[in-house]
C-alpha atoms as a PDB file:
ATOM      1  CA  MET A   1      13.079  97.194-106.136  1.00  0.00           C
ATOM      2  CA  SER A   2      12.119  93.805-107.313  1.00  0.00           C
ATOM      3  CA  LEU A   3      10.196  93.155-103.362  1.00  0.00           C
ATOM      4  CA  GLU A   4       6.515  94.217-104.118  1.00  0.00           C
ATOM      5  CA  PHE A   5       6.180  94.225-100.466  1.00  0.00           C
ATOM      6  CA  ILE A   6       8.217  96.763 -99.634  1.00  0.00           C
ATOM      7  CA  ARG A   7       6.014  99.295 -99.609  1.00  0.00           C
ATOM      8  CA  ASP A   8       5.993 103.143-100.494  1.00  0.00           C
ATOM      9  CA  PHE A   9       4.872 104.901 -97.327  1.00  0.00           C
ATOM     10  CA  LYS A  10       5.259 108.860 -98.871  1.00  0.00           C
ATOM     11  CA  PRO A  11       2.314 110.472 -98.659  1.00  0.00           C
ATOM     12  CA  GLU A  12      -0.533 111.396-101.379  1.00  0.00           C
ATOM     13  CA  GLY A  13      -1.289 115.376-100.890  1.00  0.00           C
ATOM     14  CA  LEU A  14       0.387 116.434 -97.493  1.00  0.00           C
ATOM     15  CA  ASP A  15       1.021 119.881 -98.285  1.00  0.00           C
ATOM     16  CA  LEU A  16       2.594 121.311 -95.102  1.00  0.00           C
ATOM     17  CA  SER A  17       3.710 125.373 -97.439  1.00  0.00           C
ATOM     18  CA  GLY A  18       4.079 127.846 -94.781  1.00  0.00           C
ATOM     19  CA  SER A  19       3.605 125.624 -91.898  1.00  0.00           C
ATOM     20  CA  SER A  20       5.924 125.047 -88.770  1.00  0.00           C
ATOM     21  CA  ILE A  21       7.463 121.905 -88.055  1.00  0.00           C
ATOM     22  CA  LEU A  22       9.044 120.915 -84.609  1.00  0.00           C
ATOM     23  CA  ILE A  23      10.590 117.949 -83.879  1.00  0.00           C
ATOM     24  CA  THR A  24      12.185 116.125 -80.554  1.00  0.00           C
ATOM     25  CA  GLY A  25      15.088 114.325 -80.278  1.00  0.00           C
ATOM     26  CA  GLY A  26      16.162 115.535 -83.925  1.00  0.00           C
ATOM     27  CA  THR A  27      19.559 115.646 -83.856  1.00  0.00           C
ATOM     28  CA  GLY A  28      19.146 111.609 -83.987  1.00  0.00           C
ATOM     29  CA  SER A  29      19.295 109.353 -86.861  1.00  0.00           C
ATOM     30  CA  PHE A  30      15.394 109.971 -87.563  1.00  0.00           C
ATOM     31  CA  GLY A  31      15.478 113.402 -87.074  1.00  0.00           C
ATOM     32  CA  LYS A  32      18.261 114.277 -89.595  1.00  0.00           C
ATOM     33  CA  LYS A  33      16.627 112.768 -92.025  1.00  0.00           C
ATOM     34  CA  PHE A  34      13.086 113.691 -91.736  1.00  0.00           C
ATOM     35  CA  VAL A  35      14.303 117.236 -91.133  1.00  0.00           C
ATOM     36  CA  LYS A  36      15.735 116.761 -94.779  1.00  0.00           C
ATOM     37  CA  THR A  37      13.346 115.752 -96.170  1.00  0.00           C
ATOM     38  CA  LEU A  38      11.363 118.493 -95.645  1.00  0.00           C
ATOM     39  CA  LEU A  39      13.374 121.328 -96.316  1.00  0.00           C
ATOM     40  CA  ASP A  40      14.301 119.316 -99.754  1.00  0.00           C
ATOM     41  CA  GLU A  41      10.079 117.979-100.570  1.00  0.00           C
ATOM     42  CA  TYR A  42       8.174 119.907 -98.692  1.00  0.00           C
ATOM     43  CA  SER A  43       8.056 123.888 -98.309  1.00  0.00           C
ATOM     44  CA  PRO A  44       8.195 124.297 -94.491  1.00  0.00           C
ATOM     45  CA  ALA A  45       8.161 128.339 -93.409  1.00  0.00           C
ATOM     46  CA  ARG A  46      10.284 127.097 -90.043  1.00  0.00           C
ATOM     47  CA  VAL A  47      11.314 123.223 -89.066  1.00  0.00           C
ATOM     48  CA  VAL A  48      12.460 123.709 -85.138  1.00  0.00           C
ATOM     49  CA  VAL A  49      15.150 120.626 -83.758  1.00  0.00           C
ATOM     50  CA  PHE A  50      14.072 120.518 -80.274  1.00  0.00           C
ATOM     51  CA  SER A  51      17.190 118.715 -78.697  1.00  0.00           C
ATOM     52  CA  ARG A  52      19.552 118.693 -75.680  1.00  0.00           C
ATOM     53  CA  ASP A  53      23.381 118.176 -76.992  1.00  0.00           C
ATOM     54  CA  GLU A  54      24.914 120.713 -78.670  1.00  0.00           C
ATOM     55  CA  LEU A  55      27.582 119.122 -80.633  1.00  0.00           C
ATOM     56  CA  LYS A  56      24.853 117.562 -82.189  1.00  0.00           C
ATOM     57  CA  GLN A  57      23.129 120.076 -82.747  1.00  0.00           C
ATOM     58  CA  TYR A  58      26.511 121.208 -84.656  1.00  0.00           C
ATOM     59  CA  GLU A  59      27.052 118.668 -86.688  1.00  0.00           C
ATOM     60  CA  MET A  60      23.675 118.968 -87.974  1.00  0.00           C
ATOM     61  CA  GLN A  61      24.116 122.325 -89.173  1.00  0.00           C
ATOM     62  CA  GLN A  62      27.080 120.574 -91.019  1.00  0.00           C
ATOM     63  CA  MET A  63      25.051 118.082 -92.439  1.00  0.00           C
ATOM     64  CA  LEU A  64      22.715 120.624 -94.167  1.00  0.00           C
ATOM     65  CA  GLY A  65      25.004 122.071 -96.299  1.00  0.00           C
ATOM     66  CA  PRO A  66      27.525 125.224 -96.028  1.00  0.00           C
ATOM     67  CA  ASP A  67      25.330 128.146 -96.231  1.00  0.00           C
ATOM     68  CA  PRO A  68      22.229 127.950 -92.979  1.00  0.00           C
ATOM     69  CA  ASP A  69      18.616 127.948 -94.610  1.00  0.00           C
ATOM     70  CA  ALA A  70      16.829 130.301 -92.587  1.00  0.00           C
ATOM     71  CA  ARG A  71      14.468 128.413 -91.896  1.00  0.00           C
ATOM     72  CA  VAL A  72      15.300 125.386 -89.508  1.00  0.00           C
ATOM     73  CA  ARG A  73      15.808 126.410 -85.973  1.00  0.00           C
ATOM     74  CA  PHE A  74      17.660 125.010 -83.081  1.00  0.00           C
ATOM     75  CA  PHE A  75      16.693 125.209 -79.765  1.00  0.00           C
ATOM     76  CA  ILE A  76      18.521 123.242 -76.948  1.00  0.00           C
ATOM     77  CA  GLY A  77      15.685 121.892 -74.769  1.00  0.00           C
ATOM     78  CA  ASP A  78      14.899 118.359 -73.056  1.00  0.00           C
ATOM     79  CA  VAL A  79      11.232 117.030 -73.311  1.00  0.00           C
ATOM     80  CA  ARG A  80      12.077 116.849 -69.366  1.00  0.00           C
ATOM     81  CA  ASP A  81      11.508 120.623 -68.978  1.00  0.00           C
ATOM     82  CA  ALA A  82       8.000 121.786 -69.707  1.00  0.00           C
ATOM     83  CA  GLU A  83       9.041 125.508 -70.146  1.00  0.00           C
ATOM     84  CA  ARG A  84      11.618 125.102 -72.384  1.00  0.00           C
ATOM     85  CA  LEU A  85       9.472 122.843 -73.989  1.00  0.00           C
ATOM     86  CA  GLU A  86       6.553 125.648 -74.262  1.00  0.00           C
ATOM     87  CA  SER A  87       8.553 128.051 -75.896  1.00  0.00           C
ATOM     88  CA  ALA A  88       9.886 126.499 -78.544  1.00  0.00           C
ATOM     89  CA  MET A  89       6.767 125.196 -79.351  1.00  0.00           C
ATOM     90  CA  ARG A  90       4.715 128.886 -79.874  1.00  0.00           C
ATOM     91  CA  GLY A  91       4.599 129.198 -83.460  1.00  0.00           C
ATOM     92  CA  ILE A  92       4.318 125.636 -84.054  1.00  0.00           C
ATOM     93  CA  ASP A  93       2.112 123.873 -86.608  1.00  0.00           C
ATOM     94  CA  TYR A  94       2.984 120.528 -85.763  1.00  0.00           C
ATOM     95  CA  VAL A  95       5.001 118.351 -83.761  1.00  0.00           C
ATOM     96  CA  ILE A  96       6.657 115.153 -84.304  1.00  0.00           C
ATOM     97  CA  HIS A  97       7.804 113.880 -80.810  1.00  0.00           C
ATOM     98  CA  ALA A  98      10.688 111.293 -81.324  1.00  0.00           C
ATOM     99  CA  ALA A  99      12.533 112.284 -78.069  1.00  0.00           C
ATOM    100  CA  ALA A 100      12.923 109.107 -76.080  1.00  0.00           C
ATOM    101  CA  LEU A 101      15.156 107.397 -73.893  1.00  0.00           C
ATOM    102  CA  LYS A 102      15.935 104.086 -76.217  1.00  0.00           C
ATOM    103  CA  HIS A 103      18.357 101.633 -75.036  1.00  0.00           C
ATOM    104  CA  VAL A 104      16.933  98.224 -73.157  1.00  0.00           C
ATOM    105  CA  PRO A 105      20.198  97.150 -71.457  1.00  0.00           C
ATOM    106  CA  ALA A 106      20.508 101.182 -70.683  1.00  0.00           C
ATOM    107  CA  ALA A 107      16.907 101.550 -69.271  1.00  0.00           C
ATOM    108  CA  GLU A 108      16.696  98.356 -67.132  1.00  0.00           C
ATOM    109  CA  TYR A 109      19.979 100.329 -65.320  1.00  0.00           C
ATOM    110  CA  ASN A 110      18.318 103.201 -64.987  1.00  0.00           C
ATOM    111  CA  PRO A 111      15.017 103.090 -64.604  1.00  0.00           C
ATOM    112  CA  PHE A 112      14.129 106.641 -63.576  1.00  0.00           C
ATOM    113  CA  GLU A 113      15.718 108.348 -66.305  1.00  0.00           C
ATOM    114  CA  CYS A 114      13.615 105.997 -68.305  1.00  0.00           C
ATOM    115  CA  ILE A 115      11.320 106.894 -67.021  1.00  0.00           C
ATOM    116  CA  LYS A 116      11.694 111.247 -66.609  1.00  0.00           C
ATOM    117  CA  THR A 117      12.206 110.964 -70.643  1.00  0.00           C
ATOM    118  CA  ASN A 118       9.807 108.506 -71.967  1.00  0.00           C
ATOM    119  CA  VAL A 119       6.614 109.057 -70.054  1.00  0.00           C
ATOM    120  CA  HIS A 120       7.109 112.785 -67.775  1.00  0.00           C
ATOM    121  CA  GLY A 121       8.474 113.855 -71.004  1.00  0.00           C
ATOM    122  CA  ALA A 122       5.322 112.520 -73.082  1.00  0.00           C
ATOM    123  CA  GLU A 123       3.300 114.275 -70.299  1.00  0.00           C
ATOM    124  CA  ASN A 124       5.099 117.805 -71.201  1.00  0.00           C
ATOM    125  CA  VAL A 125       5.206 117.354 -74.606  1.00  0.00           C
ATOM    126  CA  VAL A 126       1.425 117.057 -74.435  1.00  0.00           C
ATOM    127  CA  ASN A 127       0.685 120.071 -71.572  1.00  0.00           C
ATOM    128  CA  ALA A 128       2.736 122.107 -74.102  1.00  0.00           C
ATOM    129  CA  ALA A 129       1.108 121.275 -77.526  1.00  0.00           C
ATOM    130  CA  LEU A 130      -2.260 121.942 -75.378  1.00  0.00           C
ATOM    131  CA  ARG A 131      -1.388 125.166 -74.172  1.00  0.00           C
ATOM    132  CA  VAL A 132       0.122 126.951 -77.154  1.00  0.00           C
ATOM    133  CA  GLY A 133      -2.208 125.208 -79.268  1.00  0.00           C
ATOM    134  CA  VAL A 134      -0.339 123.052 -81.773  1.00  0.00           C
ATOM    135  CA  LYS A 135      -2.810 121.415 -84.444  1.00  0.00           C
ATOM    136  CA  LYS A 136      -1.561 118.160 -84.981  1.00  0.00           C
ATOM    137  CA  VAL A 137       0.935 116.260 -83.045  1.00  0.00           C
ATOM    138  CA  ILE A 138       2.580 112.457 -83.636  1.00  0.00           C
ATOM    139  CA  ALA A 139       4.541 110.334 -81.056  1.00  0.00           C
ATOM    140  CA  LEU A 140       7.017 107.633 -82.658  1.00  0.00           C
ATOM    141  CA  SER A 141       6.260 105.090 -80.755  1.00  0.00           C
ATOM    142  CA  THR A 142       8.310 100.974 -80.680  1.00  0.00           C
ATOM    143  CA  ASP A 143       6.960  97.508 -81.084  1.00  0.00           C
ATOM    144  CA  LYS A 144       8.835  97.075 -77.804  1.00  0.00           C
ATOM    145  CA  ALA A 145       5.308  99.173 -76.835  1.00  0.00           C
ATOM    146  CA  ALA A 146       3.564  96.113 -77.928  1.00  0.00           C
ATOM    147  CA  ASN A 147       3.620  93.454 -74.520  1.00  0.00           C
ATOM    148  CA  PRO A 148       6.277  95.145 -73.116  1.00  0.00           C
ATOM    149  CA  VAL A 149       8.710  92.615 -71.575  1.00  0.00           C
ATOM    150  CA  ASN A 150      11.432  95.435 -70.764  1.00  0.00           C
ATOM    151  CA  LEU A 151      10.774  98.919 -69.131  1.00  0.00           C
ATOM    152  CA  TYR A 152      11.708 100.161 -72.067  1.00  0.00           C
ATOM    153  CA  GLY A 153       8.707  99.216 -73.918  1.00  0.00           C
ATOM    154  CA  ALA A 154       6.732  99.424 -70.815  1.00  0.00           C
ATOM    155  CA  SER A 155       7.976 102.965 -70.465  1.00  0.00           C
ATOM    156  CA  LYS A 156       6.494 103.734 -74.343  1.00  0.00           C
ATOM    157  CA  LEU A 157       3.611 101.660 -74.017  1.00  0.00           C
ATOM    158  CA  ALA A 158       2.576 104.201 -71.371  1.00  0.00           C
ATOM    159  CA  SER A 159       4.190 106.923 -73.176  1.00  0.00           C
ATOM    160  CA  ASP A 160       1.789 105.718 -76.413  1.00  0.00           C
ATOM    161  CA  LYS A 161      -1.362 105.785 -73.761  1.00  0.00           C
ATOM    162  CA  ILE A 162      -0.783 109.106 -72.247  1.00  0.00           C
ATOM    163  CA  PHE A 163      -1.088 110.680 -76.268  1.00  0.00           C
ATOM    164  CA  ILE A 164      -4.724 108.762 -77.144  1.00  0.00           C
ATOM    165  CA  ALA A 165      -6.051 110.293 -73.907  1.00  0.00           C
ATOM    166  CA  ALA A 166      -5.090 113.536 -74.841  1.00  0.00           C
ATOM    167  CA  ASN A 167      -7.248 113.541 -77.699  1.00  0.00           C
ATOM    168  CA  ASN A 168      -9.809 113.517 -74.104  1.00  0.00           C
ATOM    169  CA  MET A 169      -8.441 116.800 -73.409  1.00  0.00           C
ATOM    170  CA  SER A 170      -7.827 118.884 -76.176  1.00  0.00           C
ATOM    171  CA  GLY A 171     -11.782 119.249 -77.377  1.00  0.00           C
ATOM    172  CA  GLY A 172     -10.413 118.642 -81.068  1.00  0.00           C
ATOM    173  CA  ARG A 173      -8.663 121.791 -81.170  1.00  0.00           C
ATOM    174  CA  THR A 174      -5.159 120.042 -80.557  1.00  0.00           C
ATOM    175  CA  GLN A 175      -4.475 116.191 -82.314  1.00  0.00           C
ATOM    176  CA  PHE A 176      -2.876 113.917 -80.863  1.00  0.00           C
ATOM    177  CA  SER A 177      -1.564 110.236 -83.335  1.00  0.00           C
ATOM    178  CA  VAL A 178       0.985 107.332 -82.619  1.00  0.00           C
ATOM    179  CA  VAL A 179       3.491 105.893 -85.216  1.00  0.00           C
ATOM    180  CA  ARG A 180       4.267 102.657 -84.170  1.00  0.00           C
ATOM    181  CA  TYR A 181       7.186 100.457 -85.934  1.00  0.00           C
ATOM    182  CA  GLY A 182       9.995  98.266 -85.556  1.00  0.00           C
ATOM    183  CA  ASN A 183      13.361  98.188 -86.022  1.00  0.00           C
ATOM    184  CA  VAL A 184      15.197 101.207 -87.879  1.00  0.00           C
ATOM    185  CA  VAL A 185      17.748  99.816 -90.914  1.00  0.00           C
ATOM    186  CA  GLY A 186      20.923 101.300 -90.719  1.00  0.00           C
ATOM    187  CA  SER A 187      19.807 104.025 -87.512  1.00  0.00           C
ATOM    188  CA  ARG A 188      22.316 104.886 -84.686  1.00  0.00           C
ATOM    189  CA  GLY A 189      22.227 101.754 -81.723  1.00  0.00           C
ATOM    190  CA  SER A 190      20.780  99.295 -84.662  1.00  0.00           C
ATOM    191  CA  VAL A 191      22.424  96.127 -85.609  1.00  0.00           C
ATOM    192  CA  VAL A 192      23.838  96.383 -88.724  1.00  0.00           C
ATOM    193  CA  PRO A 193      26.080  99.969 -87.992  1.00  0.00           C
ATOM    194  CA  PHE A 194      27.171  96.796 -85.115  1.00  0.00           C
ATOM    195  CA  PHE A 195      27.946  94.206 -88.079  1.00  0.00           C
ATOM    196  CA  ARG A 196      29.883  96.607 -90.118  1.00  0.00           C
ATOM    197  CA  LYS A 197      31.383  97.352 -87.326  1.00  0.00           C
ATOM    198  CA  LEU A 198      33.274  94.577 -86.295  1.00  0.00           C
ATOM    199  CA  ILE A 199      33.189  93.383 -89.954  1.00  0.00           C
ATOM    200  CA  ARG A 200      35.490  97.028 -90.525  1.00  0.00           C
ATOM    201  CA  GLU A 201      37.668  96.375 -87.716  1.00  0.00           C
ATOM    202  CA  GLY A 202      38.214  92.041 -88.647  1.00  0.00           C
ATOM    203  CA  SER A 203      36.603  90.000 -86.206  1.00  0.00           C
ATOM    204  CA  ASP A 204      36.309  86.365 -86.541  1.00  0.00           C
ATOM    205  CA  HIS A 205      32.969  86.165 -85.357  1.00  0.00           C
ATOM    206  CA  PHE A 206      29.399  87.698 -85.267  1.00  0.00           C
ATOM    207  CA  PRO A 207      27.755  87.746 -81.717  1.00  0.00           C
ATOM    208  CA  ILE A 208      23.941  86.423 -82.329  1.00  0.00           C
ATOM    209  CA  THR A 209      21.532  86.737 -79.271  1.00  0.00           C
ATOM    210  CA  ASP A 210      19.586  84.193 -80.243  1.00  0.00           C
ATOM    211  CA  MET A 211      19.889  82.035 -83.474  1.00  0.00           C
ATOM    212  CA  ARG A 212      15.800  81.840 -83.910  1.00  0.00           C
ATOM    213  CA  MET A 213      15.421  86.027 -83.431  1.00  0.00           C
ATOM    214  CA  THR A 214      13.480  87.815 -85.414  1.00  0.00           C
ATOM    215  CA  ARG A 215      12.239  91.580 -86.139  1.00  0.00           C
ATOM    216  CA  PHE A 216      10.662  93.788 -88.382  1.00  0.00           C
ATOM    217  CA  TRP A 217      12.192  95.868 -90.461  1.00  0.00           C
ATOM    218  CA  ILE A 218      12.074  99.504 -91.665  1.00  0.00           C
ATOM    219  CA  THR A 219      13.856 101.936 -93.703  1.00  0.00           C
ATOM    220  CA  LEU A 220      15.361 105.409 -92.157  1.00  0.00           C
ATOM    221  CA  ARG A 221      13.101 106.457 -95.570  1.00  0.00           C
ATOM    222  CA  GLN A 222      10.690 104.348 -95.143  1.00  0.00           C
ATOM    223  CA  GLY A 223       9.930 105.294 -91.492  1.00  0.00           C
ATOM    224  CA  VAL A 224      10.261 109.039 -92.310  1.00  0.00           C
ATOM    225  CA  ASP A 225       7.577 108.589 -95.085  1.00  0.00           C
ATOM    226  CA  PHE A 226       5.401 106.579 -92.800  1.00  0.00           C
ATOM    227  CA  VAL A 227       5.595 109.709 -89.928  1.00  0.00           C
ATOM    228  CA  LEU A 228       4.307 112.039 -92.676  1.00  0.00           C
ATOM    229  CA  SER A 229       1.865 109.827 -94.397  1.00  0.00           C
ATOM    230  CA  SER A 230       0.230 109.165 -91.076  1.00  0.00           C
ATOM    231  CA  LEU A 231       0.033 113.049 -90.069  1.00  0.00           C
ATOM    232  CA  GLU A 232      -1.705 113.291 -93.432  1.00  0.00           C
ATOM    233  CA  LYS A 233      -4.179 110.562 -92.480  1.00  0.00           C
ATOM    234  CA  SER A 234      -4.789 111.476 -88.268  1.00  0.00           C
ATOM    235  CA  GLU A 235      -7.952 111.875 -87.438  1.00  0.00           C
ATOM    236  CA  GLY A 236      -6.604 112.506 -83.254  1.00  0.00           C
ATOM    237  CA  GLY A 237      -6.454 108.815 -81.240  1.00  0.00           C
ATOM    238  CA  GLU A 238      -5.044 106.610 -83.691  1.00  0.00           C
ATOM    239  CA  ILE A 239      -1.810 104.462 -83.250  1.00  0.00           C
ATOM    240  CA  PHE A 240      -0.563 103.668 -86.995  1.00  0.00           C
ATOM    241  CA  VAL A 241       1.237 100.302 -87.709  1.00  0.00           C
ATOM    242  CA  PRO A 242       3.088 100.288 -91.332  1.00  0.00           C
ATOM    243  CA  LYS A 243       3.190  96.859 -93.606  1.00  0.00           C
ATOM    244  CA  ILE A 244       6.458  96.180 -93.316  1.00  0.00           C
ATOM    245  CA  PRO A 245       8.822  93.307 -93.546  1.00  0.00           C
ATOM    246  CA  SER A 246      10.387  91.030 -90.889  1.00  0.00           C
ATOM    247  CA  VAL A 247      14.329  89.410 -91.013  1.00  0.00           C
ATOM    248  CA  ARG A 248      16.059  86.753 -89.279  1.00  0.00           C
ATOM    249  CA  VAL A 249      19.019  87.936 -87.627  1.00  0.00           C
ATOM    250  CA  VAL A 250      21.088  85.690 -88.973  1.00  0.00           C
ATOM    251  CA  ASP A 251      19.997  86.344 -92.184  1.00  0.00           C
ATOM    252  CA  LEU A 252      20.639  89.485 -92.243  1.00  0.00           C
ATOM    253  CA  ALA A 253      24.386  88.846 -90.635  1.00  0.00           C
ATOM    254  CA  GLN A 254      24.495  86.225 -93.483  1.00  0.00           C
ATOM    255  CA  ALA A 255      24.001  88.730 -96.273  1.00  0.00           C
ATOM    256  CA  LEU A 256      26.373  91.194 -94.502  1.00  0.00           C
ATOM    257  CA  ALA A 257      29.102  88.913 -94.524  1.00  0.00           C
ATOM    258  CA  PRO A 258      28.573  84.800 -95.812  1.00  0.00           C
ATOM    259  CA  ASP A 259      31.065  83.687 -94.715  1.00  0.00           C
ATOM    260  CA  MET A 260      31.379  84.862 -90.604  1.00  0.00           C
ATOM    261  CA  GLU A 261      30.427  82.853 -88.373  1.00  0.00           C
ATOM    262  CA  LEU A 262      28.153  83.219 -85.635  1.00  0.00           C
ATOM    263  CA  ARG A 263      27.863  82.675 -82.076  1.00  0.00           C
ATOM    264  CA  GLU A 264      25.347  82.753 -80.338  1.00  0.00           C
ATOM    265  CA  VAL A 265      26.053  84.505 -76.977  1.00  0.00           C
ATOM    266  CA  GLY A 266      21.866  84.249 -75.622  1.00  0.00           C
ATOM    267  CA  ILE A 267      18.941  86.882 -75.097  1.00  0.00           C
ATOM    268  CA  ARG A 268      19.872  90.218 -72.675  1.00  0.00           C
ATOM    269  CA  PRO A 269      17.999  91.404 -69.794  1.00  0.00           C
ATOM    270  CA  GLY A 270      15.017  92.680 -71.278  1.00  0.00           C
ATOM    271  CA  GLU A 271      15.028  92.125 -75.357  1.00  0.00           C
ATOM    272  CA  LYS A 272      12.339  89.522 -76.743  1.00  0.00           C
ATOM    273  CA  LEU A 273      12.728  86.778 -79.188  1.00  0.00           C
ATOM    274  CA  HIS A 274      10.850  88.108 -81.462  1.00  0.00           C
ATOM    275  CA  GLU A 275       9.091  90.807 -81.718  1.00  0.00           C
ATOM    276  CA  ILE A 276       4.779  92.376 -82.400  1.00  0.00           C
ATOM    277  CA  MET A 277       3.294  95.318 -83.321  1.00  0.00           C
ATOM    278  CA  VAL A 278      -0.871  94.676 -82.956  1.00  0.00           C
ATOM    279  CA  THR A 279      -1.194  92.308 -79.934  1.00  0.00           C
ATOM    280  CA  GLU A 280      -4.803  90.218 -79.904  1.00  0.00           C
ATOM    281  CA  ALA A 281      -6.372  92.862 -77.453  1.00  0.00           C
ATOM    282  CA  ASP A 282      -5.686  95.001 -79.862  1.00  0.00           C
ATOM    283  CA  ALA A 283      -6.868  93.530 -82.575  1.00  0.00           C
ATOM    284  CA  ARG A 284     -10.952  94.044 -81.670  1.00  0.00           C
ATOM    285  CA  THR A 285     -10.625  97.810 -82.450  1.00  0.00           C
ATOM    286  CA  THR A 286      -7.909  97.184 -85.640  1.00  0.00           C
ATOM    287  CA  VAL A 287      -8.120  97.485 -88.777  1.00  0.00           C
ATOM    288  CA  GLU A 288      -6.431  97.028 -92.401  1.00  0.00           C
ATOM    289  CA  SER A 289      -5.964  98.799 -95.289  1.00  0.00           C
ATOM    290  CA  ASP A 290      -3.537  98.672 -97.867  1.00  0.00           C
ATOM    291  CA  ASP A 291      -0.156  99.457 -96.476  1.00  0.00           C
ATOM    292  CA  ARG A 292      -0.758  99.627 -92.114  1.00  0.00           C
ATOM    293  CA  TYR A 293      -2.764  98.548 -89.517  1.00  0.00           C
ATOM    294  CA  THR A 294      -4.472 101.161 -87.267  1.00  0.00           C
ATOM    295  CA  ILE A 295      -5.538 101.038 -84.308  1.00  0.00           C
ATOM    296  CA  GLU A 296      -8.411 103.264 -83.261  1.00  0.00           C
ATOM    297  CA  PRO A 297      -8.769 104.391 -79.912  1.00  0.00           C
ATOM    298  CA  SER A 298     -11.980 103.195 -77.421  1.00  0.00           C
ATOM    299  CA  LEU A 299     -12.360 106.095 -76.387  1.00  0.00           C
ATOM    300  CA  ALA A 300     -15.760 107.846 -76.438  1.00  0.00           C
ATOM    301  CA  PHE A 301     -14.784 110.303 -78.732  1.00  0.00           C
ATOM    302  CA  TRP A 302     -13.890 108.247 -81.549  1.00  0.00           C
ATOM    303  CA  ARG A 303     -16.249 108.177 -84.323  1.00  0.00           C
ATOM    304  CA  VAL A 304     -16.306 104.934 -85.930  1.00  0.00           C
ATOM    305  CA  GLY A 305     -18.012 105.064 -89.056  1.00  0.00           C
ATOM    306  CA  GLU A 306     -17.892 102.661 -91.704  1.00  0.00           C
ATOM    307  CA  PRO A 307     -14.581 100.613 -93.000  1.00  0.00           C
ATOM    308  CA  GLU A 308     -15.929  99.690 -96.528  1.00  0.00           C
ATOM    309  CA  ALA A 309     -16.327 103.732 -96.943  1.00  0.00           C
ATOM    310  CA  LEU A 310     -13.326 104.577 -95.050  1.00  0.00           C
ATOM    311  CA  LYS A 311     -11.977 101.740 -97.494  1.00  0.00           C
ATOM    312  CA  VAL A 312     -10.697  99.627 -94.313  1.00  0.00           C
ATOM    313  CA  SER A 313     -11.326  95.998 -93.472  1.00  0.00           C
ATOM    314  CA  ARG A 314     -11.652  94.482 -90.148  1.00  0.00           C
ATOM    315  CA  VAL A 315      -9.212  92.427 -88.506  1.00  0.00           C
ATOM    316  CA  SER A 316     -10.429  88.999 -86.771  1.00  0.00           C
ATOM    317  CA  GLU A 317     -10.584  89.376 -83.457  1.00  0.00           C
ATOM    318  CA  ASP A 318      -7.916  86.747 -83.237  1.00  0.00           C
ATOM    319  CA  PHE A 319      -5.401  88.959 -85.081  1.00  0.00           C
ATOM    320  CA  THR A 320      -1.834  89.650 -84.242  1.00  0.00           C
ATOM    321  CA  TYR A 321       0.618  90.947 -86.331  1.00  0.00           C
ATOM    322  CA  ALA A 322       4.201  89.829 -84.683  1.00  0.00           C
ATOM    323  CA  SER A 323       7.917  89.169 -86.068  1.00  0.00           C
ATOM    324  CA  ASP A 324       7.514  85.669 -86.602  1.00  0.00           C
ATOM    325  CA  HIS A 325       3.998  84.947 -88.028  1.00  0.00           C
ATOM    326  CA  ASN A 326       4.704  87.820 -90.619  1.00  0.00           C
ATOM    327  CA  PRO A 327       3.702  86.403 -94.051  1.00  0.00           C
ATOM    328  CA  GLU A 328       6.776  88.972 -95.825  1.00  0.00           C
ATOM    329  CA  TYR A 329      10.270  88.364 -94.500  1.00  0.00           C
ATOM    330  CA  LEU A 330      13.525  88.983 -96.412  1.00  0.00           C
ATOM    331  CA  GLN A 331      15.730  86.663 -97.178  1.00  0.00           C
ATOM    332  CA  GLY A 332      18.653  86.042 -99.353  1.00  0.00           C
ATOM    333  CA  SER A 333      20.037  88.052-101.756  1.00  0.00           C
ATOM    334  CA  ASP A 334      16.924  89.846-100.653  1.00  0.00           C
ATOM    335  CA  VAL A 335      18.254  91.280 -97.080  1.00  0.00           C
ATOM    336  CA  VAL A 336      21.306  92.275 -99.781  1.00  0.00           C
ATOM    337  CA  THR A 337      19.216  94.282-101.749  1.00  0.00           C
ATOM    338  CA  LEU A 338      17.638  96.751 -98.673  1.00  0.00           C
ATOM    339  CA  LEU A 339      20.986  96.553 -97.684  1.00  0.00           C
ATOM    340  CA  ASP A 340      21.961  98.371-100.357  1.00  0.00           C
ATOM    341  CA  GLN A 341      18.947 101.274-100.788  1.00  0.00           C
ATOM    342  CA  THR A 342      20.085 102.130 -96.989  1.00  0.00           C
ATOM    343  CA  LEU A 343      23.560 103.361 -97.742  1.00  0.00           C
ATOM    344  CA  ASP A 344      21.790 106.025 -99.571  1.00  0.00           C
ATOM    345  CA  ASP A 345      19.886 107.141 -96.301  1.00  0.00           C
END
């Protein structure tokens, strides 16, 4: 790809050979790609898919091929169930926590269910990991957790705080870190499959919530590699934020169907016009490297090193990382190029 700012986040020296990895919410778009990447490119001893939907687990088994891979285990379970979660984590080295209730309007309408999964579920993951002695936990977050305006974002902010603070309880035995990134192109429930569905059905227009709307954009493969590289780099307590491009939703729609009419329908409840991943309040503890921002914890256990020695630099105190003030924008043919790449994801 000719776009210089489309980064390759693949870790340089991550060795997972002989390790056991568990992923909560493992039958989602991210989980399926993550598991396949582990099996194809790393040499884990065991990969445990933990999720609550037996049909999705069956479909994932079929996706992995006709011959069952003995390294893959499927556990039916819910992150709300602390006992089951702890049972699944026994003998696990690394946990990737991807389970969440993610649909913004659904969370607004079902607040208790959102809290049970996103907040109490995070607490259960932390407690289970501490009890069984997991080495590292990486929790997946969202841009909506920064300056949240909806319950989903607020619940994920609470989850982020839980995972960062868990390092105070672990005494260094288990390291907890967070990965925060934007919309995943082509993932289940995202706008690209929705627009493509409208095209297949012969719709005469795309509904656009607001013509000014922008979003951060990351491909599924980039998301998987960024999580793996964060697993490699983490020391416990960091929030890792990738440097990724923004896209105007209007440009995305026009790239998919240049002649389609665009109709503005208004912002949905709990939806932002633009997204942010590093707030001005976070800037005081944020460092920058070639491919990411790292929000360091303001907690007593954190060992602050010299930025120059760590090949990072501190951002300015008034810094923010927002989708409408991003120097890296996808436009026109760039959008089409990246869309074509996602078909292979």
